[in-house]
Amino acid sequence: MSFLAFAYKDTASAESAYESVWEAWKERAPEARKLNLGAIGERRDAVQGLNASMDEGSKGMIAQVRVGTVILLITGEAAPKVDMADTLITKFATTFSERAQEAQK
């Protein structure tokens, strides 16, 4: 798993950047389908598809969550025949979102 945090000066700036950040990253999981992250953050998106190598049976997942002034991006990849549950990225996204909320209080 990889994690990126983009911090902005205010909530409006983070919201304004959200869509362009998502558009730049979501394509890194070819043949993707949407994943449901549940009710975390103010805004969230996630997809699961092939990993960047596009090998048959591989898996790539990307999740993005906005929490206040921060956009969190979580990525994960698995080679063919390596199991990676869809819930794994949800667990990481939830944990990092909760910590981002605490840090902004």
Protein backbone atom coordinates (compact mmCIF):
# COMPACT_ATOMS: atom_id res chain seq x y z
CA MET A 1 0.00 0.00 0.00
CA SER A 2 1.07 3.56 -0.66
CA PHE A 3 -0.27 6.71 0.93
CA LEU A 4 -0.19 10.35 -0.12
CA ALA A 5 -1.57 13.33 1.75
CA PHE A 6 -2.17 16.65 0.00
CA ALA A 7 -2.65 19.53 2.46
CA TYR A 8 -4.32 22.76 1.37
CA LYS A 9 -4.59 26.18 3.02
CA ASP A 10 -8.36 25.87 3.49
CA THR A 11 -11.33 23.58 2.87
CA ALA A 12 -12.40 25.44 -0.28
CA SER A 13 -8.97 24.90 -1.85
CA ALA A 14 -9.04 21.19 -1.01
CA GLU A 15 -12.54 20.81 -2.46
CA SER A 16 -11.53 22.72 -5.59
CA ALA A 17 -8.54 20.39 -6.16
CA TYR A 18 -10.40 17.16 -5.36
CA GLU A 19 -11.71 16.33 -8.85
CA SER A 20 -8.45 17.05 -10.67
CA VAL A 21 -6.46 14.92 -8.22
CA TRP A 22 -8.95 12.06 -8.64
CA GLU A 23 -8.91 12.33 -12.45
CA ALA A 24 -5.10 12.14 -12.44
CA TRP A 25 -4.97 9.01 -10.26
CA LYS A 26 -8.03 6.85 -10.98
CA GLU A 27 -6.72 5.78 -14.40
CA ARG A 28 -3.88 3.90 -12.69
CA ALA A 29 -6.29 1.01 -12.12
CA PRO A 30 -7.28 -0.06 -15.67
CA GLU A 31 -10.67 -1.70 -16.24
CA ALA A 32 -11.81 -0.32 -12.90
CA ARG A 33 -15.12 -0.64 -11.12
CA LYS A 34 -16.28 1.58 -8.27
CA LEU A 35 -15.78 0.53 -4.66
CA ASN A 36 -17.92 1.74 -1.78
CA LEU A 37 -15.86 3.24 1.06
CA GLY A 38 -18.85 3.98 3.25
CA ALA A 39 -19.42 7.34 4.92
CA ILE A 40 -15.87 8.56 5.56
CA GLY A 41 -14.63 12.11 5.08
CA GLU A 42 -16.58 14.86 3.37
CA ARG A 43 -15.96 13.34 -0.06
CA ARG A 44 -14.69 9.96 -1.21
CA ASP A 45 -14.07 7.84 -4.31
CA ALA A 46 -12.54 4.40 -4.83
CA VAL A 47 -11.98 1.97 -7.69
CA GLN A 48 -10.65 -1.56 -8.11
CA GLY A 49 -9.27 -2.86 -11.41
CA LEU A 50 -6.08 -4.36 -12.78
CA ASN A 51 -2.71 -3.24 -11.48
CA ALA A 52 -0.57 -0.92 -13.60
CA SER A 53 1.07 -3.87 -15.42
CA MET A 54 -2.42 -4.95 -16.60
CA ASP A 55 -1.50 -8.60 -16.06
CA GLU A 56 -4.48 -10.95 -16.17
CA GLY A 57 -5.53 -11.69 -12.59
CA SER A 58 -3.70 -8.73 -11.08
CA LYS A 59 -5.44 -6.20 -8.86
CA GLY A 60 -5.06 -2.47 -8.35
CA MET A 61 -7.07 -0.34 -5.95
CA ILE A 62 -7.14 3.42 -5.47
CA ALA A 63 -9.07 5.38 -2.87
CA GLN A 64 -9.27 9.12 -2.33
CA VAL A 65 -10.89 10.88 0.63
CA ARG A 66 -11.18 14.58 1.47
CA VAL A 67 -11.18 15.43 5.16
CA GLY A 68 -11.33 19.18 5.72
CA THR A 69 -8.19 20.69 4.21
CA VAL A 70 -6.56 17.35 3.33
CA ILE A 71 -6.95 14.96 0.40
CA LEU A 72 -5.79 11.44 1.23
CA LEU A 73 -4.84 9.05 -1.56
CA ILE A 74 -4.33 5.34 -0.90
CA THR A 75 -3.15 2.88 -3.56
CA GLY A 76 -2.56 -0.85 -3.47
CA GLU A 77 -1.49 -3.44 -6.03
CA ALA A 78 -1.35 -7.23 -6.07
CA ALA A 79 0.25 -9.51 -8.64
CA PRO A 80 -1.75 -12.32 -10.23
CA LYS A 81 -2.64 -15.11 -7.78
CA VAL A 82 -2.01 -12.82 -4.77
CA ASP A 83 -5.20 -12.15 -2.84
CA MET A 84 -5.95 -8.60 -1.70
CA ALA A 85 -9.41 -8.06 -0.26
CA ASP A 86 -11.35 -4.97 -1.37
CA THR A 87 -11.97 -4.19 2.32
CA LEU A 88 -8.24 -3.62 2.89
CA ILE A 89 -8.25 -0.24 1.15
CA THR A 90 -11.45 0.73 3.00
CA LYS A 91 -9.80 -0.03 6.34
CA PHE A 92 -6.75 2.08 5.50
CA ALA A 93 -8.88 4.94 4.13
CA THR A 94 -11.04 4.92 7.26
CA THR A 95 -8.06 4.92 9.62
CA PHE A 96 -6.26 7.73 7.82
CA SER A 97 -9.47 9.77 7.55
CA GLU A 98 -10.08 9.48 11.29
CA ARG A 99 -6.51 10.60 12.03
CA ALA A 100 -6.81 13.55 9.62
CA GLN A 101 -10.01 14.64 11.39
CA GLU A 102 -8.29 14.45 14.79
CA ALA A 103 -5.30 16.45 13.54
CA GLN A 104 -7.53 19.26 12.27
CA LYS A 105 -9.42 19.75 15.55
